[in-house]
Amino acid sequence: MHFKTTARTLAVLLPLTLAAGQAVAQEKLKVAIGQINNWENQAPTLGQDAGIFKKYNLELENTGTAGAGETIQAVISGGADIGAGVGVAGVMRAFSKGAPVRILAPAFTGTGDLYWYVKADSPLKTLKDATDKHTIAYSTNGSSSNNIVVAFTDELGAKAKPTATGGPPSTLTQVMSGQIDIGWAAPPFGLREINEGKIRIIAKGSDVPSLRGQTVRALIVNADTLKNRPEVIAKFMEAYRESADWMYTDPKAIEMYSVKIKQTPELIKQSIKDFQPQETMQTDEMKDLDGIVKDAVKLKFLDKPLTKEQLTELIRTPPRKQ
């Protein structure tokens, strides 16, 4: 009788135990992040550190890349499920060639967060002072900095030779050593050097009229991951949006970021106020989509405009839960 009672008890408890284990099991996602230390790319990293993604039973494996080109390749190959900080024009180019990549959501709208600078003693005062003997930096092919540099040439008549230099730290080294004439950066990186008079800003991404109101960077997802794990990707977007909102409402986010990048909270607050206000990180709508496609063709990222059907297939942003 005791044996039968024990067996019946186990028969009841075992499924409950398994169910509880399954309930807390965390889904894993690999996330490739171009310029992983930039403020606008912090939702996956700070959000995970703050425990927000854990609330959604998600565990992220966040990996930094040299820029959008490397990020796109990681997502296309399946080495990453999701990519962050990717130039929209570069994604469109990859998609138009049949790459298994989709836009999951807008990540940054506008171009005011990127700037171009020279050493303090450089004779260059504006982009127009540069000749074809000078060099101007961008991160990697397909990045938003690449897109802006091309637009500098096309819309502003800049003549400096575009040169891929990787992230802001390596770019600063190349500028200060004289290898590159005009560097690029995203605040708060470089603000200390600007305040100390070591470098001077000579151009901002917002100087390009056509790009000011456009969504220039996006979250991307591997097409097979989206097809095979739609519920997990939907949870990722919920957690991402909560993390992005938290970054602008909880002072702890700035404190954590300050420790992470070894900059003062005051400098970070200055950067957010002047370059990265909350509305730039909206995740609901690809702003000025017609302009994005038009400029992607004009700047030779696309051979021809994407059709309405192609755009519907490419852009897969889930609606925000009320």
Protein backbone atom coordinates (compact mmCIF):
# COMPACT_ATOMS: atom_id res chain seq x y z
CA MET A 1 0.00 0.00 0.00
CA HIS A 2 2.85 2.41 0.92
CA PHE A 3 4.54 1.67 -2.42
CA LYS A 4 1.36 2.39 -4.37
CA THR A 5 0.80 5.66 -2.49
CA THR A 6 4.37 6.78 -3.15
CA ALA A 7 4.07 5.88 -6.81
CA ARG A 8 0.86 7.84 -7.13
CA THR A 9 2.46 10.83 -5.41
CA LEU A 10 5.44 10.71 -7.76
CA ALA A 11 3.12 10.42 -10.73
CA VAL A 12 1.48 13.68 -9.67
CA LEU A 13 4.63 15.57 -8.63
CA LEU A 14 6.93 14.59 -11.49
CA PRO A 15 4.99 16.38 -14.24
CA LEU A 16 4.67 19.44 -11.99
CA THR A 17 8.41 19.43 -11.36
CA LEU A 18 9.17 19.10 -15.06
CA ALA A 19 6.71 21.84 -15.89
CA ALA A 20 8.30 24.15 -13.33
CA GLY A 21 11.72 23.43 -14.80
CA GLN A 22 10.49 24.16 -18.28
CA ALA A 23 8.87 27.40 -17.09
CA VAL A 24 12.15 28.84 -15.85
CA ALA A 25 14.34 27.47 -18.64
CA GLN A 26 15.84 30.42 -20.48
CA GLU A 27 15.79 30.66 -24.24
CA LYS A 28 19.19 31.64 -25.62
CA LEU A 29 19.81 34.13 -28.41
CA LYS A 30 23.10 35.20 -29.95
CA VAL A 31 23.26 38.95 -30.55
CA ALA A 32 25.97 40.63 -32.64
CA ILE A 33 26.34 44.34 -31.86
CA GLY A 34 28.23 46.81 -34.02
CA GLN A 35 29.96 49.40 -31.80
CA ILE A 36 28.82 47.55 -28.68
CA ASN A 37 29.83 50.37 -26.30
CA ASN A 38 27.69 53.07 -27.96
CA TRP A 39 24.78 54.29 -25.80
CA GLU A 40 22.18 53.57 -28.49
CA ASN A 41 23.32 49.93 -28.61
CA GLN A 42 23.04 49.34 -24.87
CA ALA A 43 19.53 47.87 -24.63
CA PRO A 44 20.71 44.24 -25.05
CA THR A 45 23.73 44.63 -22.75
CA LEU A 46 22.51 46.94 -19.98
CA GLY A 47 19.06 45.36 -20.19
CA GLN A 48 20.54 41.94 -19.56
CA ASP A 49 22.73 43.23 -16.74
CA ALA A 50 19.65 44.80 -15.14
CA GLY A 51 17.75 41.49 -15.33
CA ILE A 52 15.12 42.69 -17.80
CA PHE A 53 15.69 39.96 -20.37
CA LYS A 54 15.70 37.35 -17.61
CA LYS A 55 12.14 38.41 -16.77
CA TYR A 56 11.20 37.18 -20.24
CA ASN A 57 13.14 33.91 -19.79
CA LEU A 58 15.78 35.08 -22.26
CA GLU A 59 19.55 34.78 -22.03
CA LEU A 60 21.54 36.82 -24.54
CA GLU A 61 25.03 36.04 -25.75
CA ASN A 62 26.09 39.57 -26.70
CA THR A 63 29.17 39.91 -28.92
CA GLY A 64 30.72 43.11 -30.23
CA THR A 65 31.71 43.51 -33.87
CA ALA A 66 33.80 46.06 -35.76
CA GLY A 67 30.68 47.49 -37.38
CA ALA A 68 27.58 46.87 -39.44
CA GLY A 69 29.30 44.93 -42.23
CA GLU A 70 30.60 42.34 -39.79
CA THR A 71 27.28 42.28 -37.94
CA ILE A 72 25.29 41.63 -41.10
CA GLN A 73 27.59 38.78 -42.08
CA ALA A 74 27.22 37.19 -38.65
CA VAL A 75 23.43 37.25 -38.95
CA ILE A 76 23.43 36.03 -42.56
CA SER A 77 25.68 33.09 -41.70
CA GLY A 78 23.61 32.13 -38.66
CA GLY A 79 26.50 32.88 -36.32
CA ALA A 80 24.15 35.37 -34.66
CA ASP A 81 20.36 35.34 -34.39
CA ILE A 82 20.03 39.10 -34.06
CA GLY A 83 22.19 42.04 -35.10
CA ALA A 84 22.13 45.52 -33.56
CA GLY A 85 23.44 48.87 -34.74
CA VAL A 86 23.17 48.07 -38.46
CA GLY A 87 22.79 50.68 -41.19
CA VAL A 88 19.41 50.30 -42.93
CA ALA A 89 20.80 50.83 -46.43
CA GLY A 90 23.32 48.03 -45.89
CA VAL A 91 20.57 45.64 -44.79
CA MET A 92 18.50 46.51 -47.84
CA ARG A 93 21.48 45.78 -50.07
CA ALA A 94 22.01 42.36 -48.47
CA PHE A 95 18.29 41.53 -48.65
CA SER A 96 18.06 42.57 -52.32
CA LYS A 97 20.78 40.03 -53.10
CA GLY A 98 18.85 37.23 -51.43
CA ALA A 99 20.52 37.17 -48.03
CA PRO A 100 18.43 35.54 -45.24
CA VAL A 101 18.11 38.70 -43.19
CA ARG A 102 15.11 40.76 -42.07
CA ILE A 103 14.66 44.09 -40.28
CA LEU A 104 13.20 43.38 -36.85
CA ALA A 105 12.75 46.98 -35.71
CA PRO A 106 14.12 50.50 -36.07
CA ALA A 107 16.97 51.12 -33.64
CA PHE A 108 18.00 54.75 -34.23
CA THR A 109 16.28 57.54 -36.11
CA GLY A 110 18.20 60.55 -37.35
CA THR A 111 21.94 61.05 -37.80
CA GLY A 112 22.75 63.61 -35.14
CA ASP A 113 24.57 61.10 -32.94
CA LEU A 114 27.52 60.67 -35.32
CA TYR A 115 30.19 63.28 -35.84
CA TRP A 116 33.43 63.74 -37.77
CA TYR A 117 36.48 65.41 -36.30
CA VAL A 118 40.12 66.37 -36.84
CA LYS A 119 43.10 66.94 -34.57
CA ALA A 120 43.04 70.34 -32.93
CA ASP A 121 45.99 71.57 -35.00
CA SER A 122 44.61 70.35 -38.33
CA PRO A 123 44.26 73.02 -41.04
CA LEU A 124 40.85 71.57 -41.96
CA LYS A 125 37.98 73.68 -40.64
CA THR A 126 35.10 72.17 -42.61
CA LEU A 127 34.54 69.23 -44.96
CA LYS A 128 34.88 71.61 -47.90
CA ASP A 129 38.52 72.25 -46.94
CA ALA A 130 39.40 68.60 -47.58
CA THR A 131 40.74 67.49 -50.96
CA ASP A 132 40.99 64.09 -52.59
CA LYS A 133 44.39 63.76 -50.91
CA HIS A 134 42.70 63.67 -47.49
CA THR A 135 40.98 60.68 -45.91
CA ILE A 136 37.66 60.52 -44.06
CA ALA A 137 36.71 57.62 -41.79
CA TYR A 138 33.70 55.36 -41.49
CA SER A 139 33.39 52.08 -39.58
CA THR A 140 32.64 49.28 -42.06
CA ASN A 141 30.82 48.83 -45.36
CA GLY A 142 27.05 48.95 -44.96
CA SER A 143 27.15 50.93 -41.73
CA SER A 144 25.27 54.16 -41.11
CA SER A 145 28.62 55.99 -40.89
CA ASN A 146 29.41 54.59 -44.36
CA ASN A 147 26.05 55.80 -45.60
CA ILE A 148 26.64 59.29 -44.20
CA VAL A 149 30.16 59.58 -45.64
CA VAL A 150 28.81 58.64 -49.07
CA ALA A 151 26.12 61.29 -48.59
CA PHE A 152 28.78 63.84 -47.60
CA THR A 153 30.26 63.31 -51.05
CA ASP A 154 26.97 63.18 -52.93
CA GLU A 155 25.07 65.98 -51.21
CA LEU A 156 27.73 68.21 -49.67
CA GLY A 157 30.47 67.86 -52.27
CA ALA A 158 33.07 66.44 -49.88
CA LYS A 159 36.18 65.22 -51.71
CA ALA A 160 38.08 63.31 -49.01
CA LYS A 161 38.67 59.61 -49.68
CA PRO A 162 36.30 57.36 -47.65
CA THR A 163 38.31 54.88 -45.56
CA ALA A 164 37.09 52.08 -43.26
CA THR A 165 38.69 52.44 -39.82
CA GLY A 166 36.58 50.25 -37.52
CA GLY A 167 35.25 51.56 -34.21
CA PRO A 168 35.77 54.93 -32.52
CA PRO A 169 38.77 53.90 -30.37
CA SER A 170 40.81 52.57 -33.28
CA THR A 171 39.74 55.54 -35.40
CA LEU A 172 40.94 58.03 -32.78
CA THR A 173 44.32 56.28 -32.67
CA GLN A 174 44.61 56.57 -36.45
CA VAL A 175 43.65 60.25 -36.41
CA MET A 176 46.05 61.18 -33.61
CA SER A 177 48.89 59.29 -35.31
CA GLY A 178 48.25 61.01 -38.64
CA GLN A 179 47.08 57.92 -40.55
CA ILE A 180 43.58 59.38 -41.05
CA ASP A 181 42.75 63.04 -41.56
CA ILE A 182 39.08 63.07 -40.54
CA GLY A 183 37.84 60.59 -37.95
CA TRP A 184 34.33 59.54 -36.97
CA ALA A 185 32.81 58.84 -33.56
CA ALA A 186 29.58 58.49 -31.62
CA PRO A 187 29.24 60.23 -28.26
CA PRO A 188 30.03 59.97 -25.45
CA PHE A 189 33.23 58.71 -27.07
CA GLY A 190 35.48 61.64 -27.88
CA LEU A 191 33.63 64.24 -25.81
CA ARG A 192 36.40 64.28 -23.22
CA GLU A 193 38.99 64.88 -25.96
CA ILE A 194 36.79 67.64 -27.38
CA ASN A 195 36.41 69.28 -23.96
CA GLU A 196 40.19 69.03 -23.47
CA GLY A 197 40.85 70.70 -26.83
CA LYS A 198 42.57 67.70 -28.43
CA ILE A 199 40.14 67.29 -31.33
CA ARG A 200 37.57 69.48 -33.14
CA ILE A 201 34.23 68.54 -34.69
CA ILE A 202 34.01 69.64 -38.33
CA ALA A 203 30.83 67.81 -39.39
CA LYS A 204 27.83 65.93 -38.02
CA GLY A 205 25.60 63.35 -39.62
CA SER A 206 22.74 65.83 -39.30
CA ASP A 207 24.53 68.08 -41.82
CA VAL A 208 23.11 65.81 -44.55
CA PRO A 209 19.59 67.13 -45.22
CA SER A 210 18.10 63.92 -46.64
CA LEU A 211 19.06 61.78 -43.64
CA ARG A 212 17.92 63.95 -40.74
CA GLY A 213 14.49 62.40 -40.28
CA GLN A 214 15.24 58.90 -41.47
CA THR A 215 15.64 55.75 -39.46
CA VAL A 216 19.29 55.04 -40.18
CA ARG A 217 20.01 51.98 -38.01
CA ALA A 218 17.98 48.89 -37.30
CA LEU A 219 17.80 45.64 -35.41
CA ILE A 220 18.06 42.73 -37.82
CA VAL A 221 17.23 39.05 -37.45
CA ASN A 222 18.22 35.89 -39.28
CA ALA A 223 15.27 34.84 -41.48
CA ASP A 224 15.41 31.21 -40.33
CA THR A 225 15.47 32.23 -36.67
CA LEU A 226 12.44 34.44 -37.24
CA LYS A 227 10.59 31.61 -39.00
CA ASN A 228 11.49 28.85 -36.54
CA ARG A 229 11.42 30.79 -33.24
CA PRO A 230 8.81 33.55 -33.68
CA GLU A 231 7.67 33.48 -30.04
CA VAL A 232 11.22 33.90 -28.80
CA ILE A 233 11.87 36.82 -31.16
CA ALA A 234 8.61 38.44 -30.03
CA LYS A 235 9.76 38.15 -26.40
CA PHE A 236 13.13 39.64 -27.35
CA MET A 237 11.39 42.71 -28.78
CA GLU A 238 9.30 43.13 -25.62
CA ALA A 239 12.41 42.95 -23.46
CA TYR A 240 14.37 45.23 -25.82
CA ARG A 241 11.67 47.89 -25.72
CA GLU A 242 11.41 47.69 -21.93
CA SER A 243 15.20 48.00 -21.70
CA ALA A 244 15.31 51.03 -23.99
CA ASP A 245 12.60 52.76 -21.93
CA TRP A 246 14.41 51.89 -18.69
CA MET A 247 17.65 53.44 -19.97
CA TYR A 248 15.94 56.85 -20.09
CA THR A 249 13.90 56.63 -16.88
CA ASP A 250 16.15 54.98 -14.29
CA PRO A 251 19.32 56.82 -13.18
CA LYS A 252 20.86 53.43 -12.45
CA ALA A 253 21.23 52.87 -16.20
CA ILE A 254 23.57 55.84 -16.53
CA GLU A 255 25.49 54.72 -13.45
CA MET A 256 25.97 51.23 -14.90
CA TYR A 257 26.97 52.63 -18.29
CA SER A 258 29.38 55.06 -16.66
CA VAL A 259 31.24 52.21 -14.96
CA LYS A 260 31.17 50.13 -18.13
CA ILE A 261 32.83 52.69 -20.41
CA LYS A 262 34.84 54.47 -17.71
CA GLN A 263 33.33 57.90 -18.35
CA THR A 264 31.72 60.27 -15.86
CA PRO A 265 27.93 60.28 -15.47
CA GLU A 266 27.99 64.02 -16.26
CA LEU A 267 29.63 63.38 -19.63
CA ILE A 268 27.11 60.67 -20.44
CA LYS A 269 24.20 62.94 -19.52
CA GLN A 270 25.67 65.61 -21.81
CA SER A 271 25.92 63.07 -24.63
CA ILE A 272 22.34 61.86 -24.23
CA LYS A 273 20.95 65.39 -24.06
CA ASP A 274 22.86 66.70 -27.07
CA PHE A 275 23.10 63.66 -29.32
CA GLN A 276 20.79 60.79 -28.25
CA PRO A 277 17.42 61.99 -26.90
CA GLN A 278 14.90 59.25 -26.20
CA GLU A 279 12.85 59.78 -29.36
CA THR A 280 15.84 58.79 -31.51
CA MET A 281 15.59 55.25 -30.11
CA GLN A 282 11.95 54.65 -31.03
CA THR A 283 11.30 51.06 -32.14
CA ASP A 284 7.86 51.26 -33.72
CA GLU A 285 8.18 52.78 -37.20
CA MET A 286 10.77 52.98 -39.95
CA LYS A 287 10.65 56.75 -40.43
CA ASP A 288 10.72 58.17 -43.98
CA LEU A 289 10.80 54.73 -45.59
CA ASP A 290 10.32 56.19 -49.07
CA GLY A 291 13.30 58.45 -48.51
CA ILE A 292 15.38 55.55 -47.19
CA VAL A 293 14.78 53.54 -50.37
CA LYS A 294 15.33 56.55 -52.62
CA ASP A 295 18.62 57.42 -50.94
CA ALA A 296 19.77 53.78 -50.93
CA VAL A 297 19.45 53.84 -54.73
CA LYS A 298 21.01 57.29 -55.07
CA LEU A 299 23.96 56.29 -52.90
CA LYS A 300 24.32 53.02 -54.84
CA PHE A 301 23.42 50.65 -52.02
CA LEU A 302 20.57 49.41 -54.24
CA ASP A 303 20.45 48.98 -58.01
CA LYS A 304 16.75 49.78 -58.02
CA PRO A 305 14.04 50.55 -55.44
CA LEU A 306 12.61 47.69 -53.41
CA THR A 307 8.99 46.94 -54.26
CA LYS A 308 6.15 47.24 -51.77
CA GLU A 309 6.04 43.45 -51.53
CA GLN A 310 9.78 43.27 -50.87
CA LEU A 311 9.54 45.89 -48.14
CA THR A 312 6.70 43.97 -46.51
CA GLU A 313 8.85 40.85 -46.50
CA LEU A 314 11.92 42.72 -45.27
CA ILE A 315 10.45 44.76 -42.40
CA ARG A 316 8.94 42.52 -39.72
CA THR A 317 8.48 44.81 -36.73
CA PRO A 318 6.03 43.36 -34.18
CA PRO A 319 3.47 45.83 -32.78
CA ARG A 320 4.12 47.11 -29.28
CA LYS A 321 1.97 45.41 -26.64
CA GLN A 322 -0.40 47.80 -24.92
